[in-house]
């Protein structure tokens, strides 16, 4: 498990930086994320659903240097492409939070934290 965590933490963000670094200035409600490595230099707050769109074998890594919080209405919604590659699953979604994580009551977050 330690080597898997070290792998996820050490991955550089995807390019171009403008699409994968500090998305939404940390307020990511309503955003759609395609496969890749996303990074935030401070915090992330999820106030309402976010969308993870791709295939069942794609990978998403969210690296948050500071803290992460969610509202009660927060959730991760998986969306497949129309290319026959299936729908993403929580097995391929990784969250790396540097400081602390606060989950709102009844939120529906997925992935490995």
Protein backbone atom coordinates (compact mmCIF):
# COMPACT_ATOMS: atom_id res chain seq x y z
CA UNK A 1 0.00 0.00 0.00
CA UNK A 2 2.86 2.40 0.77
CA UNK A 3 4.30 2.06 -2.73
CA UNK A 4 0.90 2.69 -4.35
CA UNK A 5 0.42 5.83 -2.23
CA UNK A 6 3.94 7.04 -3.07
CA UNK A 7 3.18 6.54 -6.77
CA UNK A 8 -0.02 8.60 -6.65
CA UNK A 9 1.57 11.39 -4.59
CA UNK A 10 4.61 11.70 -6.85
CA UNK A 11 2.76 11.97 -10.16
CA UNK A 12 3.17 15.35 -11.86
CA UNK A 13 0.03 17.17 -12.96
CA UNK A 14 -1.15 16.63 -16.51
CA UNK A 15 -0.50 19.22 -19.21
CA UNK A 16 -1.50 21.85 -20.13
CA UNK A 17 -1.22 23.34 -16.65
CA UNK A 18 -4.12 25.73 -17.26
CA UNK A 19 -6.52 22.77 -17.38
CA UNK A 20 -5.10 20.67 -14.53
CA UNK A 21 -3.75 23.08 -11.88
CA UNK A 22 -5.94 24.94 -9.35
CA UNK A 23 -9.14 24.21 -11.28
CA UNK A 24 -11.90 26.55 -10.12
CA UNK A 25 -9.50 28.14 -7.64
CA UNK A 26 -10.43 25.21 -5.40
CA UNK A 27 -14.22 25.58 -5.70
CA UNK A 28 -14.90 22.63 -8.01
CA UNK A 29 -18.70 22.17 -7.77
CA UNK A 30 -20.23 21.43 -11.16
CA UNK A 31 -16.88 20.80 -12.87
CA UNK A 32 -16.36 17.90 -15.29
CA UNK A 33 -13.00 16.14 -15.03
CA UNK A 34 -11.48 14.11 -17.85
CA UNK A 35 -8.73 11.58 -17.04
CA UNK A 36 -5.52 13.05 -15.66
CA UNK A 37 -3.62 14.31 -12.64
CA UNK A 38 -5.08 17.47 -11.12
CA UNK A 39 -3.39 19.53 -8.42
CA UNK A 40 -4.36 22.38 -6.12
CA UNK A 41 -1.85 24.49 -4.21
CA UNK A 42 -4.18 25.21 -1.31
CA UNK A 43 -7.72 23.90 -0.63
CA UNK A 44 -10.61 22.23 -2.46
CA UNK A 45 -14.29 22.61 -1.62
CA UNK A 46 -17.04 20.55 -3.25
CA UNK A 47 -20.44 22.20 -2.72
CA UNK A 48 -22.46 20.14 -5.23
CA UNK A 49 -21.85 17.25 -7.65
CA UNK A 50 -18.65 16.98 -9.69
CA UNK A 51 -18.48 14.84 -12.81
CA UNK A 52 -15.78 12.30 -13.69
CA UNK A 53 -15.99 11.51 -17.39
CA UNK A 54 -14.07 8.85 -19.28
CA UNK A 55 -13.71 5.10 -19.67
CA UNK A 56 -13.57 2.27 -17.16
CA UNK A 57 -9.76 1.99 -17.45
CA UNK A 58 -8.98 5.72 -17.21
CA UNK A 59 -7.39 7.18 -14.05
CA UNK A 60 -8.01 10.41 -12.14
CA UNK A 61 -5.72 11.72 -9.41
CA UNK A 62 -6.69 14.78 -7.36
CA UNK A 63 -3.75 16.15 -5.33
CA UNK A 64 -4.72 18.80 -2.77
CA UNK A 65 -1.82 20.46 -0.93
CA UNK A 66 -4.05 21.91 1.80
CA UNK A 67 -7.40 20.77 3.12
CA UNK A 68 -10.53 19.47 1.42
CA UNK A 69 -14.13 19.93 2.46
CA UNK A 70 -17.51 18.97 1.05
CA UNK A 71 -21.08 20.10 1.60
CA UNK A 72 -23.91 17.68 2.30
CA UNK A 73 -24.97 17.93 -1.36
CA UNK A 74 -21.52 16.95 -2.67
CA UNK A 75 -21.13 13.85 -4.80
CA UNK A 76 -19.07 12.28 -7.56
CA UNK A 77 -21.06 11.38 -10.66
CA UNK A 78 -19.40 8.95 -13.08
CA UNK A 79 -20.08 9.51 -16.78
CA UNK A 80 -18.95 7.29 -19.62
CA UNK A 81 -17.98 8.47 -23.08
CA UNK A 82 -19.95 7.32 -26.08
CA UNK A 83 -16.95 5.36 -27.34
CA UNK A 84 -17.75 1.93 -25.91
CA UNK A 85 -15.00 2.04 -23.25
CA UNK A 86 -17.45 1.72 -20.36
CA UNK A 87 -18.10 3.97 -17.39
CA UNK A 88 -15.47 5.06 -14.84
CA UNK A 89 -15.49 3.48 -11.39
CA UNK A 90 -14.31 4.59 -7.97
CA UNK A 91 -11.42 2.11 -8.29
CA UNK A 92 -9.64 4.55 -10.61
CA UNK A 93 -10.23 7.77 -8.66
CA UNK A 94 -7.58 8.82 -6.13
CA UNK A 95 -7.63 11.76 -3.71
CA UNK A 96 -4.41 12.90 -1.99
CA UNK A 97 -5.14 15.50 0.68
CA UNK A 98 -2.15 17.15 2.33
CA UNK A 99 -3.75 18.48 5.50
CA UNK A 100 -7.23 17.31 6.48
CA UNK A 101 -10.56 16.21 5.02
CA UNK A 102 -14.03 17.27 6.21
CA UNK A 103 -16.97 15.45 4.62
CA UNK A 104 -20.46 16.94 4.86
CA UNK A 105 -23.26 14.80 6.27
CA UNK A 106 -24.85 12.60 3.60
CA UNK A 107 -22.32 13.52 0.90
CA UNK A 108 -21.71 10.84 -1.72
CA UNK A 109 -17.99 10.99 -2.48
CA UNK A 110 -16.15 8.13 -4.20
CA UNK A 111 -12.56 7.05 -4.72
CA UNK A 112 -9.58 6.21 -2.58
CA UNK A 113 -8.67 8.86 0.01
